[in-house]
């Protein structure tokens, strides 16, 4: 009996973040549905979320600043020759660089999980990125904004585009009775400049100065965590760092706040996690926000550089338990209907079966 075709999912790192957990869960659900599915991690990292089937464990050197880490390229080429996958899925632009640089022996899917940084819109960089995208048989976008950019900025033909939205398991992310009468604001994300965790802290500080009582939890790790400690303490924001119990923490929240800029966003999975957990969301207008958050129904979408408006919307929710309850219920219903892990897996299965059949 012949072995089933192999679909290999390639990610750069194993990190305690949504993209790695999504790839792990997707691989588990897809495995055996017409193909074997395996994951591969390129670079040295701890096994915290993805738990890849294959780990190249390449340590990055200064050569990576030139665009590619040569040892990763050699190791990846060797592993591909050994495994002989029928389809390779590049989860993000970094794996795409390495896969596009190698001779093409399998169908290639690029899973575009965010819009590009403004610097990539400059003519030379745009041409280089367009060349990478031409190597892919399919560009699968996590949101319509990602697909629009691939088509309009990088000239990817419509026939090579596919929408595969993010998804999470509604049984894992679910509401629960609150344990405290004092409402809690939550920030969950990478503590980096693009996520603007300082804006979350500033929002909490403004609320406290206005006499609004709440708890405030900032969950996540990143390069700004230490620098934020003094401002967080002054605003009485609890810094929890990276956590493995995010579903439990979301269940004990009351309002989810997202403060990111647009660069690099596609459809933040944390929107779906918070929505499935029954939390109303107040977010900046990043790609994917208006798909996940029905403005005025399941939360509020505000302009990226409108801190006063963001604070006002958060305050409305903190001061109205009935509004929080109604919007939280709407958020749960919207995300169950549109962003379950099963629906995302079905979209992947249909796309991959089509590629395997050609």
Foldseek 3Di string as FASTA:
>chain_A
DDAFFEEEEEEAEADLFDLLQLQQVLQVVQAPLRHHYFYEYQAADDNDHNNGPYYPHHHDDPVCVVPHRVVSLVSVVVVCVVRVHQEYEYADDNSLSSQLVDPDRHAYEYEHAADADPVCLPVVNLQVVLSSVVSHQAYEYQAVVRVCCCCVSSNDDPVRYHYQHAAAALVLQAADDAPDPAAEEEAADAPDDQQPVVLVLVLLQVCVVVVQTHAYEYEEYYDCVVVCVVSCVVSNYHYPYHDPNVSVVLNNHQAYETQGDQHTHAARPVLLSNLSRLFQYEYEPHHNPVLQHVDPFLHHYHHNPDSVVSSVRVSVRSVDVVSSNRSSVVNSVSSVVPHHSVSSSVSVSVVVVVSVVD
